[in-house]
PDB file of N, CA and C in Angstrom:
ATOM      1  N   MET A   1     177.588 -68.257   3.279  1.00  0.00           N
ATOM      2  CA  MET A   1     176.633 -68.637   4.016  1.00  0.00           C
ATOM      3  C   MET A   1     177.288 -70.092   4.564  1.00  0.00           C
ATOM      4  N   LYS A   2     177.522 -70.309   5.725  1.00  0.00           N
ATOM      5  CA  LYS A   2     177.886 -71.402   6.506  1.00  0.00           C
ATOM      6  C   LYS A   2     176.818 -72.631   6.223  1.00  0.00           C
ATOM      7  N   VAL A   3     177.412 -73.938   6.096  1.00  0.00           N
ATOM      8  CA  VAL A   3     176.250 -74.803   5.841  1.00  0.00           C
ATOM      9  C   VAL A   3     177.482 -76.446   6.659  1.00  0.00           C
ATOM     10  N   LYS A   4     176.464 -77.015   7.598  1.00  0.00           N
ATOM     11  CA  LYS A   4     177.387 -78.338   8.239  1.00  0.00           C
ATOM     12  C   LYS A   4     176.914 -79.280   7.122  1.00  0.00           C
ATOM     13  N   VAL A   5     178.217 -80.028   6.726  1.00  0.00           N
ATOM     14  CA  VAL A   5     178.086 -81.281   5.915  1.00  0.00           C
ATOM     15  C   VAL A   5     178.473 -82.440   6.331  1.00  0.00           C
ATOM     16  N   LEU A   6     177.786 -83.304   6.269  1.00  0.00           N
ATOM     17  CA  LEU A   6     178.064 -84.684   7.136  1.00  0.00           C
ATOM     18  C   LEU A   6     178.388 -85.690   5.792  1.00  0.00           C
ATOM     19  N   TYR A   7     179.104 -86.665   6.107  1.00  0.00           N
ATOM     20  CA  TYR A   7     179.514 -87.794   5.278  1.00  0.00           C
ATOM     21  C   TYR A   7     179.512 -89.025   5.956  1.00  0.00           C
ATOM     22  N   PHE A   8     178.700 -90.082   5.354  1.00  0.00           N
ATOM     23  CA  PHE A   8     178.392 -91.197   5.698  1.00  0.00           C
ATOM     24  C   PHE A   8     179.177 -92.369   5.181  1.00  0.00           C
ATOM     25  N   GLY A   9     179.328 -93.638   6.070  1.00  0.00           N
ATOM     26  CA  GLY A   9     179.757 -94.867   4.751  1.00  0.00           C
ATOM     27  C   GLY A   9     181.127 -94.639   4.344  1.00  0.00           C
ATOM     28  N   GLU A  10     180.908 -95.018   2.908  1.00  0.00           N
ATOM     29  CA  GLU A  10     182.189 -94.930   2.016  1.00  0.00           C
ATOM     30  C   GLU A  10     182.746 -93.932   1.727  1.00  0.00           C
ATOM     31  N   LEU A  11     181.400 -92.631   1.762  1.00  0.00           N
ATOM     32  CA  LEU A  11     181.838 -91.282   1.276  1.00  0.00           C
ATOM     33  C   LEU A  11     182.828 -90.787   2.560  1.00  0.00           C
ATOM     34  N   ARG A  12     182.515 -91.097   3.675  1.00  0.00           N
ATOM     35  CA  ARG A  12     183.353 -90.470   5.089  1.00  0.00           C
ATOM     36  C   ARG A  12     184.871 -91.047   4.687  1.00  0.00           C
ATOM     37  N   GLU A  13     184.849 -92.401   4.272  1.00  0.00           N
ATOM     38  CA  GLU A  13     186.221 -92.960   3.924  1.00  0.00           C
ATOM     39  C   GLU A  13     187.286 -92.322   2.998  1.00  0.00           C
ATOM     40  N   GLN A  14     186.082 -92.187   1.744  1.00  0.00           N
ATOM     41  CA  GLN A  14     187.092 -91.632   0.650  1.00  0.00           C
ATOM     42  C   GLN A  14     187.115 -90.399   0.732  1.00  0.00           C
ATOM     43  N   VAL A  15     186.491 -89.451   1.331  1.00  0.00           N
ATOM     44  CA  VAL A  15     187.038 -87.924   1.673  1.00  0.00           C
ATOM     45  C   VAL A  15     187.734 -87.658   3.146  1.00  0.00           C
ATOM     46  N   GLY A  16     187.845 -88.935   4.038  1.00  0.00           N
ATOM     47  CA  GLY A  16     188.946 -88.792   5.196  1.00  0.00           C
ATOM     48  C   GLY A  16     188.028 -87.834   6.376  1.00  0.00           C
ATOM     49  N   LEU A  17     186.855 -87.087   6.000  1.00  0.00           N
ATOM     50  CA  LEU A  17     186.113 -86.264   7.046  1.00  0.00           C
ATOM     51  C   LEU A  17     184.814 -86.847   7.382  1.00  0.00           C
ATOM     52  N   HIS A  18     184.318 -87.219   8.767  1.00  0.00           N
ATOM     53  CA  HIS A  18     183.208 -87.342   9.036  1.00  0.00           C
ATOM     54  C   HIS A  18     181.992 -86.284   8.507  1.00  0.00           C
ATOM     55  N   GLU A  19     182.622 -85.076   9.116  1.00  0.00           N
ATOM     56  CA  GLU A  19     181.763 -83.516   9.156  1.00  0.00           C
ATOM     57  C   GLU A  19     182.684 -82.391   9.049  1.00  0.00           C
ATOM     58  N   GLU A  20     182.106 -81.721   8.406  1.00  0.00           N
ATOM     59  CA  GLU A  20     182.959 -80.177   8.006  1.00  0.00           C
ATOM     60  C   GLU A  20     181.961 -79.268   8.169  1.00  0.00           C
ATOM     61  N   THR A  21     182.075 -77.928   8.211  1.00  0.00           N
ATOM     62  CA  THR A  21     181.488 -76.476   8.109  1.00  0.00           C
ATOM     63  C   THR A  21     182.137 -75.870   6.538  1.00  0.00           C
ATOM     64  N   VAL A  22     180.992 -75.732   5.759  1.00  0.00           N
ATOM     65  CA  VAL A  22     181.420 -75.398   4.605  1.00  0.00           C
ATOM     66  C   VAL A  22     180.739 -74.085   4.030  1.00  0.00           C
ATOM     67  N   THR A  23     181.888 -72.982   3.747  1.00  0.00           N
ATOM     68  CA  THR A  23     181.019 -71.798   3.059  1.00  0.00           C
ATOM     69  C   THR A  23     180.761 -72.141   1.702  1.00  0.00           C
ATOM     70  N   VAL A  24     179.583 -71.523   1.341  1.00  0.00           N
ATOM     71  CA  VAL A  24     178.841 -71.850   0.112  1.00  0.00           C
ATOM     72  C   VAL A  24     179.155 -70.330  -0.239  1.00  0.00           C
ATOM     73  N   VAL A  25     179.411 -70.081  -1.372  1.00  0.00           N
ATOM     74  CA  VAL A  25     179.572 -68.640  -1.824  1.00  0.00           C
ATOM     75  C   VAL A  25     178.479 -68.212  -3.045  1.00  0.00           C
ATOM     76  N   THR A  26     177.736 -68.903  -3.678  1.00  0.00           N
ATOM     77  CA  THR A  26     176.986 -68.289  -4.682  1.00  0.00           C
ATOM     78  C   THR A  26     175.331 -67.699  -3.970  1.00  0.00           C
ATOM     79  N   GLY A  27     174.680 -67.016  -4.488  1.00  0.00           N
ATOM     80  CA  GLY A  27     173.913 -66.009  -3.847  1.00  0.00           C
ATOM     81  C   GLY A  27     172.713 -66.578  -3.274  1.00  0.00           C
ATOM     82  N   THR A  28     171.977 -67.489  -3.814  1.00  0.00           N
ATOM     83  CA  THR A  28     170.943 -68.328  -3.174  1.00  0.00           C
ATOM     84  C   THR A  28     171.121 -70.026  -3.744  1.00  0.00           C
ATOM     85  N   PRO A  29     172.328 -70.438  -2.376  1.00  0.00           N
ATOM     86  CA  PRO A  29     172.520 -71.869  -3.119  1.00  0.00           C
ATOM     87  C   PRO A  29     171.885 -73.125  -2.763  1.00  0.00           C
ATOM     88  N   THR A  30     171.899 -74.012  -3.900  1.00  0.00           N
ATOM     89  CA  THR A  30     171.521 -75.184  -3.571  1.00  0.00           C
ATOM     90  C   THR A  30     172.238 -76.264  -3.111  1.00  0.00           C
ATOM     91  N   VAL A  31     171.811 -77.448  -3.187  1.00  0.00           N
ATOM     92  CA  VAL A  31     172.654 -78.565  -2.733  1.00  0.00           C
ATOM     93  C   VAL A  31     173.304 -78.927  -4.107  1.00  0.00           C
ATOM     94  N   ALA A  32     173.144 -78.803  -5.141  1.00  0.00           N
ATOM     95  CA  ALA A  32     173.939 -78.988  -6.549  1.00  0.00           C
ATOM     96  C   ALA A  32     174.909 -77.998  -6.490  1.00  0.00           C
ATOM     97  N   ASP A  33     174.685 -76.737  -6.160  1.00  0.00           N
ATOM     98  CA  ASP A  33     175.972 -75.453  -5.764  1.00  0.00           C
ATOM     99  C   ASP A  33     177.165 -76.074  -4.677  1.00  0.00           C
ATOM    100  N   LEU A  34     176.583 -76.564  -3.713  1.00  0.00           N
ATOM    101  CA  LEU A  34     177.205 -77.261  -2.512  1.00  0.00           C
ATOM    102  C   LEU A  34     178.296 -78.392  -3.377  1.00  0.00           C
ATOM    103  N   LEU A  35     177.493 -79.190  -3.939  1.00  0.00           N
ATOM    104  CA  LEU A  35     178.608 -80.483  -4.511  1.00  0.00           C
ATOM    105  C   LEU A  35     179.370 -79.850  -5.894  1.00  0.00           C
ATOM    106  N   THR A  36     179.204 -78.783  -6.782  1.00  0.00           N
ATOM    107  CA  THR A  36     179.962 -78.360  -7.412  1.00  0.00           C
ATOM    108  C   THR A  36     181.465 -77.797  -6.813  1.00  0.00           C
ATOM    109  N   GLU A  37     180.922 -76.896  -5.413  1.00  0.00           N
ATOM    110  CA  GLU A  37     182.275 -76.618  -4.682  1.00  0.00           C
ATOM    111  C   GLU A  37     182.874 -77.741  -4.011  1.00  0.00           C
ATOM    112  N   LEU A  38     182.128 -78.868  -3.759  1.00  0.00           N
ATOM    113  CA  LEU A  38     182.987 -79.832  -3.080  1.00  0.00           C
ATOM    114  C   LEU A  38     184.156 -80.369  -4.010  1.00  0.00           C
ATOM    115  N   THR A  39     183.039 -80.569  -5.321  1.00  0.00           N
ATOM    116  CA  THR A  39     183.933 -81.598  -6.257  1.00  0.00           C
ATOM    117  C   THR A  39     185.172 -80.936  -7.012  1.00  0.00           C
ATOM    118  N   ALA A  40     184.842 -79.575  -6.870  1.00  0.00           N
ATOM    119  CA  ALA A  40     186.269 -78.560  -7.363  1.00  0.00           C
ATOM    120  C   ALA A  40     187.352 -78.660  -6.321  1.00  0.00           C
ATOM    121  N   ARG A  41     187.393 -79.540  -5.094  1.00  0.00           N
ATOM    122  CA  ARG A  41     188.526 -79.728  -4.403  1.00  0.00           C
ATOM    123  C   ARG A  41     189.503 -80.794  -4.960  1.00  0.00           C
ATOM    124  N   GLY A  42     189.298 -81.511  -5.918  1.00  0.00           N
ATOM    125  CA  GLY A  42     190.037 -82.677  -6.555  1.00  0.00           C
ATOM    126  C   GLY A  42     189.701 -83.717  -6.667  1.00  0.00           C
ATOM    127  N   ALA A  43     190.276 -84.585  -7.506  1.00  0.00           N
ATOM    128  CA  ALA A  43     190.096 -85.847  -7.767  1.00  0.00           C
ATOM    129  C   ALA A  43     189.291 -86.829  -6.777  1.00  0.00           C
ATOM    130  N   GLU A  44     189.778 -86.851  -5.720  1.00  0.00           N
ATOM    131  CA  GLU A  44     189.229 -87.960  -4.834  1.00  0.00           C
ATOM    132  C   GLU A  44     187.864 -87.346  -4.374  1.00  0.00           C
ATOM    133  N   TRP A  45     187.921 -86.090  -4.352  1.00  0.00           N
ATOM    134  CA  TRP A  45     186.173 -85.439  -4.100  1.00  0.00           C
ATOM    135  C   TRP A  45     185.365 -85.917  -5.429  1.00  0.00           C
ATOM    136  N   ARG A  46     186.018 -85.408  -6.596  1.00  0.00           N
ATOM    137  CA  ARG A  46     184.911 -86.043  -7.595  1.00  0.00           C
ATOM    138  C   ARG A  46     184.354 -87.218  -7.615  1.00  0.00           C
ATOM    139  N   GLU A  47     185.608 -88.264  -7.521  1.00  0.00           N
ATOM    140  CA  GLU A  47     185.494 -89.576  -7.418  1.00  0.00           C
ATOM    141  C   GLU A  47     184.341 -90.213  -6.490  1.00  0.00           C
ATOM    142  N   ALA A  48     184.550 -89.462  -5.183  1.00  0.00           N
ATOM    143  CA  ALA A  48     183.487 -89.974  -3.795  1.00  0.00           C
ATOM    144  C   ALA A  48     182.297 -89.491  -4.616  1.00  0.00           C
ATOM    145  N   LEU A  49     182.012 -88.424  -5.028  1.00  0.00           N
ATOM    146  CA  LEU A  49     180.520 -87.510  -5.043  1.00  0.00           C
ATOM    147  C   LEU A  49     180.060 -87.512  -6.538  1.00  0.00           C
ATOM    148  N   GLU A  50     180.683 -87.843  -7.482  1.00  0.00           N
ATOM    149  CA  GLU A  50     180.259 -87.814  -8.678  1.00  0.00           C
ATOM    150  C   GLU A  50     179.998 -89.362  -9.206  1.00  0.00           C
ATOM    151  N   SER A  51     180.305 -90.433  -8.142  1.00  0.00           N
ATOM    152  CA  SER A  51     180.620 -91.766  -8.512  1.00  0.00           C
ATOM    153  C   SER A  51     179.181 -92.387  -9.257  1.00  0.00           C
ATOM    154  N   THR A  52     179.305 -93.460  -9.782  1.00  0.00           N
ATOM    155  CA  THR A  52     177.900 -93.836 -10.561  1.00  0.00           C
ATOM    156  C   THR A  52     177.006 -94.335  -9.792  1.00  0.00           C
ATOM    157  N   GLU A  53     177.292 -94.863  -8.416  1.00  0.00           N
ATOM    158  CA  GLU A  53     176.329 -95.376  -7.649  1.00  0.00           C
ATOM    159  C   GLU A  53     175.615 -94.113  -7.034  1.00  0.00           C
ATOM    160  N   PRO A  54     174.403 -94.553  -6.780  1.00  0.00           N
ATOM    161  CA  PRO A  54     173.479 -93.379  -6.392  1.00  0.00           C
ATOM    162  C   PRO A  54     173.904 -92.846  -4.779  1.00  0.00           C
ATOM    163  N   LEU A  55     173.780 -91.381  -5.056  1.00  0.00           N
ATOM    164  CA  LEU A  55     174.010 -90.720  -3.747  1.00  0.00           C
ATOM    165  C   LEU A  55     172.554 -89.800  -3.438  1.00  0.00           C
ATOM    166  N   ARG A  56     172.537 -90.108  -1.784  1.00  0.00           N
ATOM    167  CA  ARG A  56     171.389 -89.817  -1.131  1.00  0.00           C
ATOM    168  C   ARG A  56     171.866 -88.420  -0.633  1.00  0.00           C
ATOM    169  N   ILE A  57     170.825 -87.584  -0.358  1.00  0.00           N
ATOM    170  CA  ILE A  57     171.317 -86.459  -0.001  1.00  0.00           C
ATOM    171  C   ILE A  57     169.699 -85.925   1.327  1.00  0.00           C
ATOM    172  N   ALA A  58     170.387 -85.665   2.349  1.00  0.00           N
ATOM    173  CA  ALA A  58     169.394 -84.960   3.440  1.00  0.00           C
ATOM    174  C   ALA A  58     169.606 -83.621   3.543  1.00  0.00           C
ATOM    175  N   VAL A  59     168.715 -82.809   3.884  1.00  0.00           N
ATOM    176  CA  VAL A  59     168.904 -81.479   4.425  1.00  0.00           C
ATOM    177  C   VAL A  59     167.957 -81.055   5.185  1.00  0.00           C
ATOM    178  N   ASP A  60     168.961 -81.131   6.617  1.00  0.00           N
ATOM    179  CA  ASP A  60     168.245 -80.931   8.110  1.00  0.00           C
ATOM    180  C   ASP A  60     167.435 -82.265   8.318  1.00  0.00           C
ATOM    181  N   GLN A  61     168.058 -83.430   7.867  1.00  0.00           N
ATOM    182  CA  GLN A  61     167.437 -84.667   8.153  1.00  0.00           C
ATOM    183  C   GLN A  61     166.436 -84.983   7.422  1.00  0.00           C
ATOM    184  N   GLU A  62     166.000 -84.409   6.137  1.00  0.00           N
ATOM    185  CA  GLU A  62     164.874 -84.678   5.381  1.00  0.00           C
ATOM    186  C   GLU A  62     165.518 -84.990   3.812  1.00  0.00           C
ATOM    187  N   MET A  63     165.050 -86.270   3.227  1.00  0.00           N
ATOM    188  CA  MET A  63     165.677 -86.364   1.798  1.00  0.00           C
ATOM    189  C   MET A  63     165.111 -84.974   1.006  1.00  0.00           C
ATOM    190  N   ALA A  64     166.214 -84.853   0.255  1.00  0.00           N
ATOM    191  CA  ALA A  64     166.325 -83.623  -0.559  1.00  0.00           C
ATOM    192  C   ALA A  64     166.879 -83.764  -1.852  1.00  0.00           C
ATOM    193  N   GLN A  65     166.369 -83.309  -2.639  1.00  0.00           N
ATOM    194  CA  GLN A  65     166.948 -83.522  -4.282  1.00  0.00           C
ATOM    195  C   GLN A  65     168.070 -82.470  -4.350  1.00  0.00           C
ATOM    196  N   LEU A  66     168.819 -82.626  -5.759  1.00  0.00           N
ATOM    197  CA  LEU A  66     170.025 -81.399  -5.928  1.00  0.00           C
ATOM    198  C   LEU A  66     169.358 -79.935  -6.076  1.00  0.00           C
ATOM    199  N   THR A  67     167.959 -79.765  -6.527  1.00  0.00           N
ATOM    200  CA  THR A  67     167.570 -78.215  -6.545  1.00  0.00           C
ATOM    201  C   THR A  67     167.208 -77.809  -4.834  1.00  0.00           C
ATOM    202  N   ALA A  68     167.137 -78.471  -4.052  1.00  0.00           N
ATOM    203  CA  ALA A  68     166.829 -77.947  -2.706  1.00  0.00           C
ATOM    204  C   ALA A  68     167.585 -77.015  -2.185  1.00  0.00           C
ATOM    205  N   SER A  69     167.141 -75.914  -1.951  1.00  0.00           N
ATOM    206  CA  SER A  69     167.779 -74.670  -1.241  1.00  0.00           C
ATOM    207  C   SER A  69     168.388 -74.887  -0.086  1.00  0.00           C
ATOM    208  N   LEU A  70     169.696 -74.486   0.058  1.00  0.00           N
ATOM    209  CA  LEU A  70     170.231 -74.517   1.456  1.00  0.00           C
ATOM    210  C   LEU A  70     169.768 -73.279   2.071  1.00  0.00           C
ATOM    211  N   ARG A  71     169.802 -73.270   3.429  1.00  0.00           N
ATOM    212  CA  ARG A  71     169.826 -72.009   4.384  1.00  0.00           C
ATOM    213  C   ARG A  71     170.887 -71.891   5.386  1.00  0.00           C
ATOM    214  N   PRO A  72     171.155 -70.750   5.661  1.00  0.00           N
ATOM    215  CA  PRO A  72     172.309 -70.318   6.898  1.00  0.00           C
ATOM    216  C   PRO A  72     172.060 -71.816   8.025  1.00  0.00           C
ATOM    217  N   ASN A  73     173.395 -72.198   8.104  1.00  0.00           N
ATOM    218  CA  ASN A  73     173.617 -73.116   9.143  1.00  0.00           C
ATOM    219  C   ASN A  73     172.816 -74.426   9.116  1.00  0.00           C
ATOM    220  N   CYS A  74     172.300 -74.586   8.042  1.00  0.00           N
ATOM    221  CA  CYS A  74     171.162 -75.903   7.755  1.00  0.00           C
ATOM    222  C   CYS A  74     172.684 -77.471   7.530  1.00  0.00           C
ATOM    223  N   GLU A  75     172.225 -78.386   7.886  1.00  0.00           N
ATOM    224  CA  GLU A  75     173.017 -79.429   7.933  1.00  0.00           C
ATOM    225  C   GLU A  75     172.374 -80.336   6.573  1.00  0.00           C
ATOM    226  N   VAL A  76     173.684 -80.746   5.876  1.00  0.00           N
ATOM    227  CA  VAL A  76     173.814 -81.402   4.742  1.00  0.00           C
ATOM    228  C   VAL A  76     174.415 -82.746   4.845  1.00  0.00           C
ATOM    229  N   ALA A  77     173.707 -83.926   4.465  1.00  0.00           N
ATOM    230  CA  ALA A  77     174.189 -85.037   4.565  1.00  0.00           C
ATOM    231  C   ALA A  77     174.459 -85.794   3.525  1.00  0.00           C
ATOM    232  N   PHE A  78     175.426 -86.379   3.133  1.00  0.00           N
ATOM    233  CA  PHE A  78     175.525 -87.098   1.989  1.00  0.00           C
ATOM    234  C   PHE A  78     175.616 -88.832   1.887  1.00  0.00           C
ATOM    235  N   PHE A  79     175.161 -89.601   1.623  1.00  0.00           N
ATOM    236  CA  PHE A  79     175.387 -91.135   1.843  1.00  0.00           C
ATOM    237  C   PHE A  79     174.735 -92.322   0.767  1.00  0.00           C
ATOM    238  N   ARG A  80     175.376 -93.351   0.657  1.00  0.00           N
ATOM    239  CA  ARG A  80     174.711 -94.028  -0.394  1.00  0.00           C
ATOM    240  C   ARG A  80     173.784 -95.167   0.263  1.00  0.00           C
ATOM    241  N   PRO A  81     172.713 -95.265  -0.383  1.00  0.00           N
ATOM    242  CA  PRO A  81     171.682 -96.289   0.114  1.00  0.00           C
ATOM    243  C   PRO A  81     172.157 -97.405   0.385  1.00  0.00           C
ATOM    244  N   VAL A  82     171.771 -97.607   1.514  1.00  0.00           N
ATOM    245  CA  VAL A  82     171.933 -99.290   2.544  1.00  0.00           C
ATOM    246  C   VAL A  82     170.705-100.403   1.837  1.00  0.00           C
ATOM    247  N   THR A  83     171.280-101.552   1.719  1.00  0.00           N
ATOM    248  CA  THR A  83     170.849-102.281   1.314  1.00  0.00           C
ATOM    249  C   THR A  83     170.524-103.579   2.847  1.00  0.00           C
ATOM    250  N   GLY A  84     169.653-104.066   2.785  1.00  0.00           N
ATOM    251  CA  GLY A  84     169.496-105.245   3.820  1.00  0.00           C
ATOM    252  C   GLY A  84     169.556-106.586   3.269  1.00  0.00           C
ATOM    253  N   GLY A  85     170.074-107.561   4.156  1.00  0.00           N
ATOM    254  CA  GLY A  85     169.672-108.886   3.556  1.00  0.00           C
ATOM    255  C   GLY A  85     169.234-109.748   4.676  1.00  0.00           C
TER     256      GLY A  85
END
């Protein structure tokens, strides 16, 4: 199943991509399954996505948890929380 993945802020800089289409190979994939596939790409992906800093996730522009199910052609966005001052 293909999903569109967006990276924002420092994540975009760390992985060197703004967006991509990813094929998730598990039967009924969740956000956690997608993260597992992305972090398996190598050290820079693990460092970016498994950082101790909070990671926010949106699926089709709605905040989501790691357990959220993915649908074909959905959009998954990864970003860090932003604080204002």
